[in-house]
C-alpha atoms as a PDB file:
ATOM      1  CA  MET A   1     151.258-134.075 -53.467  1.00  0.00           C
ATOM      2  CA  PRO A   2     148.855-136.966 -53.015  1.00  0.00           C
ATOM      3  CA  ILE A   3     146.629-135.911 -55.945  1.00  0.00           C
ATOM      4  CA  ARG A   4     147.758-137.390 -59.277  1.00  0.00           C
ATOM      5  CA  VAL A   5     146.510-136.288 -62.662  1.00  0.00           C
ATOM      6  CA  THR A   6     145.812-139.371 -64.782  1.00  0.00           C
ATOM      7  CA  LEU A   7     144.493-137.507 -67.817  1.00  0.00           C
ATOM      8  CA  ASP A   8     147.270-138.835 -70.074  1.00  0.00           C
ATOM      9  CA  GLU A   9     146.070-142.394 -69.529  1.00  0.00           C
ATOM     10  CA  VAL A  10     142.535-141.437 -70.578  1.00  0.00           C
ATOM     11  CA  ILE A  11     143.779-139.492 -73.605  1.00  0.00           C
ATOM     12  CA  THR A  12     145.806-142.508 -74.722  1.00  0.00           C
ATOM     13  CA  ARG A  13     142.931-144.929 -74.139  1.00  0.00           C
ATOM     14  CA  LYS A  14     140.446-142.710 -75.993  1.00  0.00           C
ATOM     15  CA  ARG A  15     142.943-142.052 -78.817  1.00  0.00           C
ATOM     16  CA  ILE A  16     142.399-138.307 -78.803  1.00  0.00           C
ATOM     17  CA  LYS A  17     145.111-135.699 -79.250  1.00  0.00           C
ATOM     18  CA  ALA A  18     145.663-133.257 -76.404  1.00  0.00           C
ATOM     19  CA  ARG A  19     145.391-130.408 -78.915  1.00  0.00           C
ATOM     20  CA  ASP A  20     141.935-131.604 -79.961  1.00  0.00           C
ATOM     21  CA  LEU A  21     140.824-132.042 -76.348  1.00  0.00           C
ATOM     22  CA  ALA A  22     141.923-128.512 -75.471  1.00  0.00           C
ATOM     23  CA  ALA A  23     140.009-127.109 -78.456  1.00  0.00           C
ATOM     24  CA  GLU A  24     136.824-129.027 -77.621  1.00  0.00           C
ATOM     25  CA  VAL A  25     136.970-128.063 -73.933  1.00  0.00           C
ATOM     26  CA  GLY A  26     137.716-124.439 -74.758  1.00  0.00           C
ATOM     27  CA  ILE A  27     141.059-124.043 -72.988  1.00  0.00           C
ATOM     28  CA  SER A  28     144.516-123.328 -74.325  1.00  0.00           C
ATOM     29  CA  GLU A  29     146.992-126.095 -75.015  1.00  0.00           C
ATOM     30  CA  THR A  30     149.220-124.479 -72.385  1.00  0.00           C
ATOM     31  CA  GLN A  31     146.489-124.708 -69.741  1.00  0.00           C
ATOM     32  CA  LEU A  32     145.870-128.346 -70.616  1.00  0.00           C
ATOM     33  CA  SER A  33     149.594-129.094 -70.499  1.00  0.00           C
ATOM     34  CA  LEU A  34     149.900-127.522 -67.054  1.00  0.00           C
ATOM     35  CA  PHE A  35     146.962-129.594 -65.813  1.00  0.00           C
ATOM     36  CA  ARG A  36     148.409-132.786 -67.324  1.00  0.00           C
ATOM     37  CA  SER A  37     151.730-132.175 -65.568  1.00  0.00           C
ATOM     38  CA  GLY A  38     150.052-131.468 -62.222  1.00  0.00           C
ATOM     39  CA  LYS A  39     151.490-127.953 -62.086  1.00  0.00           C
ATOM     40  CA  VAL A  40     148.176-126.264 -61.329  1.00  0.00           C
ATOM     41  CA  LYS A  41     146.716-125.643 -57.894  1.00  0.00           C
ATOM     42  CA  GLY A  42     143.156-126.186 -59.025  1.00  0.00           C
ATOM     43  CA  ILE A  43     140.724-126.654 -61.856  1.00  0.00           C
ATOM     44  CA  ARG A  44     137.255-125.219 -62.286  1.00  0.00           C
ATOM     45  CA  PHE A  45     134.469-127.764 -61.993  1.00  0.00           C
ATOM     46  CA  ARG A  46     133.073-126.422 -65.264  1.00  0.00           C
ATOM     47  CA  THR A  47     136.361-127.246 -67.053  1.00  0.00           C
ATOM     48  CA  LEU A  48     136.543-130.667 -65.417  1.00  0.00           C
ATOM     49  CA  ALA A  49     132.943-131.358 -66.452  1.00  0.00           C
ATOM     50  CA  LYS A  50     133.696-130.384 -70.061  1.00  0.00           C
ATOM     51  CA  MET A  51     136.726-132.704 -70.105  1.00  0.00           C
ATOM     52  CA  CYS A  52     134.585-135.528 -68.784  1.00  0.00           C
ATOM     53  CA  ALA A  53     131.890-134.846 -71.381  1.00  0.00           C
ATOM     54  CA  VAL A  54     134.365-134.823 -74.264  1.00  0.00           C
ATOM     55  CA  LEU A  55     136.209-137.911 -73.010  1.00  0.00           C
ATOM     56  CA  GLN A  56     133.007-139.654 -71.846  1.00  0.00           C
ATOM     57  CA  CYS A  57     134.491-140.445 -68.461  1.00  0.00           C
ATOM     58  CA  GLN A  58     134.142-139.626 -64.773  1.00  0.00           C
ATOM     59  CA  PRO A  59     136.273-137.128 -62.803  1.00  0.00           C
ATOM     60  CA  ALA A  60     137.825-140.066 -60.959  1.00  0.00           C
ATOM     61  CA  ASP A  61     139.182-141.288 -64.306  1.00  0.00           C
ATOM     62  CA  LEU A  62     141.200-138.059 -64.601  1.00  0.00           C
ATOM     63  CA  LEU A  63     142.443-137.771 -61.012  1.00  0.00           C
ATOM     64  CA  GLY A  64     143.923-140.194 -58.523  1.00  0.00           C
ATOM     65  CA  TYR A  65     144.705-139.964 -54.821  1.00  0.00           C
ATOM     66  CA  ASP A  66     147.578-141.570 -52.923  1.00  0.00           C
ATOM     67  CA  PHE A  67     146.847-141.498 -49.194  1.00  0.00           C
ATOM     68  CA  ASP A  68     149.688-140.304 -46.981  1.00  0.00           C
ATOM     69  CA  PRO A  69     148.983-139.909 -43.252  1.00  0.00           C
ATOM     70  CA  ASN A  70     151.565-137.102 -43.105  1.00  0.00           C
ATOM     71  CA  ASP A  71     149.310-134.993 -45.320  1.00  0.00           C
ATOM     72  CA  LEU A  72     146.731-134.837 -42.524  1.00  0.00           C
ATOM     73  CA  ALA A  73     149.172-132.917 -40.340  1.00  0.00           C
ATOM     74  CA  ASP A  74     149.814-130.421 -43.141  1.00  0.00           C
ATOM     75  CA  ALA A  75     146.137-129.864 -43.984  1.00  0.00           C
ATOM     76  CA  GLU A  76     144.742-126.382 -43.681  1.00  0.00           C
ATOM     77  CA  PRO A  77     141.672-125.979 -41.454  1.00  0.00           C
ATOM     78  CA  ASP A  78     138.320-125.514 -43.192  1.00  0.00           C
END
């Protein structure tokens, strides 16, 4: 998948524990762990916004994108 979750880098840079982040955002440690590992299919904007507020960052700091032209062929129509 071309979308990468870079949350671990931000957590390390901000020196916050994942457990504390989960508590402040209001999600379970399991949900946060699944997001960190990229094993989720989506995230609510509200949750993403809370993460950004707690970490004082932008959504782009938590997610990355690696372009692959082959992904265009696999894209679902809007």
